[in-house]
Amino acid sequence: MNDTTSQQPSAPRLTSLSHGGGCGCKIAPGLLAQLISQSALPKQFFPDLLVGNETADDAAVYRINDEQAIVATTDFFMPIVDDPYDFGRIAAANALSDIYAMGGTPLMALAIVGMPINVLPHATIARVLEGGESICREAGIPLAGGHSIDSVEPIYGLVGIGIVNPKHMKRNADAQAGDLLVLGKPLGVGILSAALKKNLLDDNGYRAMVATTTQLNRPGAALSQIAGVHALTDVTGFGLLGHTLELARGAGLTARLDSRALPLLPTVQAFAEQGVITGASARNWAAYGEHMAIASSVSEATRALLTDPQTSGGLLVSCTPETVQQVLDLFAAQGFGDAAIVGRMEAGTAQVVVE
């Protein structure tokens, strides 16, 4: 197929060596919350830690002075595709997305590498590293080092370090009633990855999946400087519903999504209707379904799209109605032509309503 050019004929498919792929590897949100709540970590107060783990935000932010703050994040996962170069690119773009989602600009990265060195050809592992480095080069930053281990499953990702002006930093908890919600990329990455594993994805579908997952969320830095943009996050492993719920909980508001307005990757709707979905989609719904109000007109396939785990997914922007055209124009100018208004924030209980 389109994903074996760098492997020896006898080499196993990358996806065959992992129990999950991409952001679908994330621990289910309900279990993650339970683990954190049961931990005995002491509560500490650091006045310059502007963003910690209180609101499940995308990255930590630590103020250096009135004009500069460091943005720090890490993200890694098992293969979502079999081509090693594409795997490295996707994982790197996904990791850097968290810096853009805070309104920051990346400065440098460190690689996180875990590989079954006696199972995969060394040339294959080298191609993963090359893919990650290529994305860092595209972002204009050095891949300055990292850490590697011999592991049972292939793992790759980055530690990302960036910078942001504290005055422009955007959290995921500051949406306001009356805001509109704009999604920067189309949905369906998890569904396409499931189709790939089942050998149902054609070359066009594969190219579309790689194109969206390797597109850097650069608009985040410019979006953060727009006064009418109140909150910013990126949609990854918990799906659009899960990350919208984080916005709603952070602001103490109701988020209302329009299921008819969702931008979708090609062929995703048909795959969803055929039941080609990931196990992570069901785990996501089990974790937060009780906090959703889904209209009876919303089909099971659409619900699967809403819970579909996105790897290197789009930015989700909460902004004033007066600002929304400026946001859409900024996305379009930077190559995000599928960006669309998908909902709004309203006064009410912290939940997500889907129409």
Protein backbone atom coordinates (compact mmCIF):
# COMPACT_ATOMS: atom_id res chain seq x y z
CA MET A 1 0.00 0.00 0.00
CA ASN A 2 1.14 3.61 0.52
CA ASP A 3 2.91 3.01 3.79
CA THR A 4 5.69 0.46 3.42
CA THR A 5 8.33 2.25 1.38
CA SER A 6 10.86 2.46 4.22
CA GLN A 7 10.44 -1.03 5.67
CA GLN A 8 11.95 -4.35 4.75
CA PRO A 9 9.46 -6.86 3.31
CA SER A 10 9.64 -8.98 6.47
CA ALA A 11 9.24 -6.06 8.83
CA PRO A 12 5.97 -5.98 10.81
CA ARG A 13 3.48 -3.19 10.24
CA LEU A 14 3.99 -0.48 12.84
CA THR A 15 0.32 -0.49 13.78
CA SER A 16 0.43 -4.26 14.37
CA LEU A 17 2.86 -3.71 17.25
CA SER A 18 0.61 -1.41 19.28
CA HIS A 19 -2.71 -1.95 21.04
CA GLY A 20 -3.84 1.57 20.14
CA GLY A 21 -2.72 4.39 17.90
CA GLY A 22 -2.35 8.15 18.00
CA CYS A 23 -4.36 10.08 20.54
CA GLY A 24 -6.66 7.06 20.82
CA CYS A 25 -3.95 5.72 23.17
CA LYS A 26 -4.96 8.22 25.84
CA ILE A 27 -6.21 6.91 29.15
CA ALA A 28 -10.01 7.31 29.14
CA PRO A 29 -10.99 10.71 30.59
CA GLY A 30 -13.06 9.22 33.40
CA LEU A 31 -10.29 6.92 34.56
CA LEU A 32 -7.71 9.69 34.23
CA ALA A 33 -9.78 11.98 36.48
CA GLN A 34 -10.14 9.15 38.99
CA LEU A 35 -6.39 8.48 39.04
CA ILE A 36 -5.58 12.16 39.56
CA SER A 37 -8.18 12.54 42.31
CA GLN A 38 -6.78 9.50 44.13
CA SER A 39 -3.18 10.69 43.97
CA ALA A 40 -1.60 11.98 47.15
CA LEU A 41 0.34 14.79 45.49
CA PRO A 42 0.55 17.82 47.78
CA LYS A 43 -1.14 21.03 46.64
CA GLN A 44 1.50 23.68 46.04
CA PHE A 45 1.17 27.34 45.15
CA PHE A 46 3.57 29.05 42.77
CA PRO A 47 2.43 32.58 41.89
CA ASP A 48 4.26 32.54 38.54
CA LEU A 49 2.70 29.24 37.44
CA LEU A 50 -0.05 30.76 35.33
CA VAL A 51 -1.45 27.44 34.08
CA GLY A 52 -1.00 24.13 35.91
CA ASN A 53 -3.21 21.05 35.99
CA GLU A 54 -6.31 22.65 37.51
CA THR A 55 -8.36 23.00 34.31
CA ALA A 56 -7.02 20.17 32.10
CA ASP A 57 -5.44 22.77 29.85
CA ASP A 58 -3.17 21.99 26.92
CA ALA A 59 0.20 22.99 28.40
CA ALA A 60 1.81 24.42 31.52
CA VAL A 61 2.69 28.12 31.47
CA TYR A 62 5.25 29.71 33.81
CA ARG A 63 5.76 33.48 33.90
CA ILE A 64 9.32 34.78 33.61
CA ASN A 65 8.40 38.48 33.56
CA ASP A 66 5.54 40.73 32.50
CA GLU A 67 6.22 40.14 28.80
CA GLN A 68 7.40 36.52 28.67
CA ALA A 69 6.19 33.15 29.89
CA ILE A 70 7.45 29.66 29.13
CA VAL A 71 4.99 27.14 27.66
CA ALA A 72 5.88 23.50 28.34
CA THR A 73 4.14 20.33 27.16
CA THR A 74 4.77 16.71 26.28
CA ASP A 75 2.87 14.31 24.06
CA PHE A 76 3.68 10.86 22.66
CA PHE A 77 1.84 7.79 21.44
CA MET A 78 1.97 4.52 19.52
CA PRO A 79 1.71 4.42 15.69
CA ILE A 80 -1.43 5.58 13.96
CA VAL A 81 0.01 4.73 10.51
CA ASP A 82 2.50 2.18 9.19
CA ASP A 83 4.80 4.52 7.30
CA PRO A 84 7.53 5.39 9.83
CA TYR A 85 8.26 8.84 8.39
CA ASP A 86 4.58 9.79 8.51
CA PHE A 87 4.33 8.42 12.07
CA GLY A 88 7.16 10.70 13.19
CA ARG A 89 5.63 13.71 11.45
CA ILE A 90 2.17 13.16 12.91
CA ALA A 91 3.45 12.64 16.45
CA ALA A 92 5.62 15.76 16.29
CA ALA A 93 2.86 17.98 14.90
CA ASN A 94 0.49 16.70 17.54
CA ALA A 95 2.94 17.54 20.35
CA LEU A 96 3.63 21.06 19.12
CA SER A 97 -0.10 21.73 18.79
CA ASP A 98 -0.40 22.19 22.55
CA ILE A 99 1.94 25.17 22.43
CA TYR A 100 -0.06 26.81 19.65
CA ALA A 101 -3.26 26.08 21.60
CA MET A 102 -2.00 28.27 24.45
CA GLY A 103 -1.34 31.09 21.99
CA GLY A 104 2.39 30.39 22.15
CA THR A 105 5.23 30.00 19.68
CA PRO A 106 7.52 26.93 19.85
CA LEU A 107 11.18 27.47 20.75
CA MET A 108 12.64 23.93 20.74
CA ALA A 109 11.74 20.29 21.26
CA LEU A 110 13.16 17.11 22.78
CA ALA A 111 12.34 13.68 21.36
CA ILE A 112 10.71 10.87 23.36
CA VAL A 113 11.57 7.53 21.74
CA GLY A 114 10.60 4.01 22.75
CA MET A 115 11.23 1.30 20.14
CA PRO A 116 11.36 -2.53 20.05
CA ILE A 117 14.91 -2.46 18.69
CA ASN A 118 15.10 -6.23 18.10
CA VAL A 119 11.80 -6.30 16.20
CA LEU A 120 11.89 -3.25 13.93
CA PRO A 121 14.65 -2.68 11.36
CA HIS A 122 16.92 0.12 12.52
CA ALA A 123 16.30 1.92 9.24
CA THR A 124 12.59 2.04 10.10
CA ILE A 125 13.31 3.58 13.50
CA ALA A 126 15.61 6.12 11.88
CA ARG A 127 12.78 7.17 9.53
CA VAL A 128 10.50 7.83 12.51
CA LEU A 129 13.14 10.17 13.92
CA GLU A 130 13.60 11.85 10.55
CA GLY A 131 9.85 12.47 10.32
CA GLY A 132 9.76 14.14 13.71
CA GLU A 133 12.76 16.30 12.89
CA SER A 134 11.18 17.41 9.61
CA ILE A 135 8.16 18.85 11.45
CA CYS A 136 10.41 20.65 13.94
CA ARG A 137 12.29 22.12 10.96
CA GLU A 138 8.97 23.21 9.44
CA ALA A 139 8.05 24.88 12.75
CA GLY A 140 11.41 26.67 12.68
CA ILE A 141 12.77 25.08 15.86
CA PRO A 142 15.63 22.72 16.73
CA LEU A 143 15.11 19.16 17.86
CA ALA A 144 17.66 19.65 20.60
CA GLY A 145 17.95 16.16 22.10
CA GLY A 146 15.72 13.72 23.93
CA HIS A 147 15.60 10.31 25.55
CA SER A 148 15.19 6.77 24.17
CA ILE A 149 14.38 3.33 25.58
CA ASP A 150 13.97 -0.20 24.24
CA SER A 151 10.24 -0.85 24.62
CA VAL A 152 7.72 -3.52 23.65
CA GLU A 153 5.59 -1.13 21.58
CA PRO A 154 6.81 1.68 19.30
CA ILE A 155 6.40 5.08 20.96
CA TYR A 156 7.34 8.50 19.63
CA GLY A 157 6.61 12.09 20.61
CA LEU A 158 8.10 15.35 21.80
CA VAL A 159 8.62 17.56 24.78
CA GLY A 160 7.77 21.00 23.43
CA ILE A 161 9.03 24.27 24.88
CA GLY A 162 7.55 27.56 23.72
CA ILE A 163 7.07 31.17 24.69
CA VAL A 164 4.02 33.41 25.04
CA ASN A 165 3.24 36.92 26.25
CA PRO A 166 1.19 36.42 29.45
CA LYS A 167 -1.18 39.15 28.27
CA HIS A 168 -2.00 37.12 25.14
CA MET A 169 -2.04 33.62 26.65
CA LYS A 170 -5.32 31.81 26.05
CA ARG A 171 -6.62 29.22 28.50
CA ASN A 172 -9.38 26.71 27.82
CA ALA A 173 -11.38 28.01 30.81
CA ASP A 174 -12.19 31.60 29.81
CA ALA A 175 -15.06 31.27 27.34
CA GLN A 176 -17.90 33.75 27.80
CA ALA A 177 -21.66 33.45 27.34
CA GLY A 178 -22.58 34.52 23.82
CA ASP A 179 -19.30 33.33 22.29
CA LEU A 180 -19.33 31.35 19.07
CA LEU A 181 -17.22 28.18 18.72
CA VAL A 182 -14.99 27.75 15.68
CA LEU A 183 -13.26 24.45 14.83
CA GLY A 184 -10.10 24.78 12.75
CA LYS A 185 -9.78 21.29 11.23
CA PRO A 186 -12.27 18.67 10.00
CA LEU A 187 -13.12 15.67 12.20
CA GLY A 188 -12.61 11.98 11.52
CA VAL A 189 -8.95 11.13 12.09
CA GLY A 190 -9.75 8.27 14.46
CA ILE A 191 -12.28 6.79 12.05
CA LEU A 192 -9.81 6.93 9.16
CA SER A 193 -7.16 5.28 11.33
CA ALA A 194 -9.65 2.49 12.14
CA ALA A 195 -10.33 2.09 8.42
CA LEU A 196 -6.59 1.91 7.75
CA LYS A 197 -6.16 -0.91 10.26
CA LYS A 198 -8.97 -2.80 8.53
CA ASN A 199 -7.38 -2.22 5.09
CA LEU A 200 -10.43 -0.20 4.01
CA LEU A 201 -8.71 3.15 3.47
CA ASP A 202 -7.70 4.03 -0.08
CA ASP A 203 -4.76 6.23 -1.11
CA ASN A 204 -6.86 9.41 -1.24
CA GLY A 205 -8.18 8.80 2.27
CA TYR A 206 -4.69 8.10 3.57
CA ARG A 207 -3.32 11.29 2.04
CA ALA A 208 -6.16 13.31 3.55
CA MET A 209 -5.48 11.84 7.00
CA VAL A 210 -1.76 12.56 6.83
CA ALA A 211 -2.31 16.06 5.45
CA THR A 212 -4.56 17.14 8.31
CA THR A 213 -2.54 15.48 11.08
CA THR A 214 0.76 17.01 9.93
CA GLN A 215 -0.64 20.54 9.45
CA LEU A 216 0.80 22.69 12.23
CA ASN A 217 -1.77 24.69 14.22
CA ARG A 218 0.17 27.91 13.63
CA PRO A 219 -2.93 30.17 13.71
CA GLY A 220 -2.95 29.81 17.52
CA ALA A 221 -0.28 32.46 18.02
CA ALA A 222 -2.14 35.04 15.91
CA LEU A 223 -5.53 34.09 17.34
CA SER A 224 -4.25 34.78 20.84
CA GLN A 225 -3.68 38.43 19.97
CA ILE A 226 -7.30 39.01 18.95
CA ALA A 227 -9.11 40.67 21.87
CA GLY A 228 -12.41 38.96 21.04
CA VAL A 229 -10.90 35.48 21.32
CA HIS A 230 -11.58 34.40 24.90
CA ALA A 231 -10.61 30.71 25.03
CA LEU A 232 -8.53 28.34 22.96
CA THR A 233 -7.80 24.61 23.02
CA ASP A 234 -7.11 21.83 20.53
CA VAL A 235 -9.30 18.80 19.89
CA THR A 236 -7.36 15.57 20.42
CA GLY A 237 -7.94 12.23 22.13
CA PHE A 238 -11.17 13.01 23.97
CA GLY A 239 -12.96 14.04 20.78
CA LEU A 240 -14.88 17.24 20.07
CA LEU A 241 -17.42 16.46 22.81
CA GLY A 242 -14.77 15.87 25.47
CA HIS A 243 -12.75 18.98 24.75
CA THR A 244 -15.88 21.12 24.42
CA LEU A 245 -16.95 19.82 27.83
CA GLU A 246 -13.62 21.06 29.23
CA LEU A 247 -14.46 24.52 27.87
CA ALA A 248 -17.92 24.36 29.44
CA ARG A 249 -16.65 23.19 32.82
CA GLY A 250 -13.84 25.73 32.90
CA ALA A 251 -16.19 28.63 32.24
CA GLY A 252 -19.22 27.27 34.10
CA LEU A 253 -21.34 27.52 30.95
CA THR A 254 -23.38 25.37 28.58
CA ALA A 255 -21.81 24.65 25.20
CA ARG A 256 -24.28 24.05 22.37
CA LEU A 257 -22.99 22.22 19.27
CA ASP A 258 -24.69 22.06 15.88
CA SER A 259 -24.12 18.52 14.56
CA ARG A 260 -25.11 19.65 11.04
CA ALA A 261 -22.23 22.16 10.91
CA LEU A 262 -19.36 19.76 11.65
CA PRO A 263 -16.53 19.84 9.08
CA LEU A 264 -15.58 16.26 8.16
CA LEU A 265 -12.70 14.59 6.38
CA PRO A 266 -13.58 12.81 3.09
CA THR A 267 -15.36 9.42 3.39
CA VAL A 268 -15.60 9.72 7.20
CA GLN A 269 -19.39 9.96 7.29
CA ALA A 270 -19.76 6.74 5.29
CA PHE A 271 -17.27 4.87 7.48
CA ALA A 272 -19.07 6.03 10.63
CA GLU A 273 -22.39 4.81 9.26
CA GLN A 274 -20.76 1.42 8.58
CA GLY A 275 -19.58 1.21 12.19
CA VAL A 276 -15.88 1.70 11.38
CA ILE A 277 -14.89 3.47 14.60
CA THR A 278 -12.22 3.20 17.29
CA GLY A 279 -12.58 1.64 20.73
CA ALA A 280 -11.54 5.01 22.18
CA SER A 281 -14.77 6.55 20.88
CA ALA A 282 -16.85 4.24 23.08
CA ARG A 283 -14.54 4.85 26.06
CA ASN A 284 -14.92 8.58 25.60
CA TRP A 285 -18.70 8.35 25.61
CA ALA A 286 -18.68 6.12 28.70
CA ALA A 287 -16.56 8.71 30.51
CA TYR A 288 -18.59 11.84 29.81
CA GLY A 289 -21.89 10.83 28.19
CA GLU A 290 -23.88 11.69 31.32
CA HIS A 291 -22.83 15.33 30.90
CA MET A 292 -24.23 15.50 27.36
CA ALA A 293 -27.72 16.35 26.17
CA ILE A 294 -28.00 14.81 22.71
CA ALA A 295 -31.06 15.52 20.58
CA SER A 296 -32.97 12.44 19.43
CA SER A 297 -32.39 13.50 15.82
CA VAL A 298 -28.61 12.99 16.22
CA SER A 299 -27.68 9.61 14.73
CA GLU A 300 -25.34 7.03 16.23
CA ALA A 301 -22.91 7.73 13.39
CA THR A 302 -22.86 11.44 14.25
CA ARG A 303 -22.30 10.67 17.92
CA ALA A 304 -19.35 8.52 16.87
CA LEU A 305 -17.95 11.51 14.97
CA LEU A 306 -18.37 13.74 18.01
CA THR A 307 -16.52 11.30 20.29
CA ASP A 308 -13.94 10.29 17.68
CA PRO A 309 -10.39 10.74 19.05
CA GLN A 310 -8.50 13.27 16.96
CA THR A 311 -4.76 13.00 16.56
CA SER A 312 -3.23 16.43 15.90
CA GLY A 313 -6.76 17.79 15.62
CA GLY A 314 -7.95 21.33 15.06
CA LEU A 315 -7.97 24.36 17.31
CA LEU A 316 -11.29 25.06 19.03
CA VAL A 317 -11.83 28.80 19.44
CA SER A 318 -14.37 30.57 21.65
CA CYS A 319 -14.84 34.14 20.40
CA THR A 320 -17.35 36.96 20.21
CA PRO A 321 -19.80 37.05 17.28
CA GLU A 322 -18.21 40.34 16.21
CA THR A 323 -14.82 38.62 15.95
CA VAL A 324 -15.83 35.36 14.30
CA GLN A 325 -15.29 36.50 10.70
CA GLN A 326 -11.80 37.72 11.60
CA VAL A 327 -11.09 34.29 13.12
CA LEU A 328 -12.38 32.47 10.03
CA ASP A 329 -10.40 34.74 7.72
CA LEU A 330 -7.21 34.13 9.73
CA PHE A 331 -7.72 30.37 9.49
CA ALA A 332 -8.35 30.58 5.74
CA ALA A 333 -5.29 32.77 5.15
CA GLN A 334 -3.09 30.14 6.82
CA GLY A 335 -4.46 27.20 4.83
CA PHE A 336 -7.27 26.01 7.10
CA GLY A 337 -10.11 26.28 4.61
CA ASP A 338 -12.36 23.81 6.46
CA ALA A 339 -12.61 25.97 9.60
CA ALA A 340 -16.26 26.37 10.57
CA ILE A 341 -18.60 27.69 13.24
CA VAL A 342 -19.80 24.62 15.13
CA GLY A 343 -21.59 26.00 18.18
CA ARG A 344 -21.89 28.63 20.87
CA MET A 345 -21.53 29.18 24.62
CA GLU A 346 -24.56 29.99 26.77
CA ALA A 347 -25.39 30.65 30.39
CA GLY A 348 -26.41 27.43 32.13
CA THR A 349 -25.16 24.20 33.64
CA ALA A 350 -21.66 23.06 32.67
CA GLN A 351 -22.61 20.56 29.97
CA VAL A 352 -22.66 20.09 26.20
CA VAL A 353 -25.93 20.17 24.27
CA VAL A 354 -25.91 18.70 20.75
CA GLU A 355 -28.63 19.60 18.29
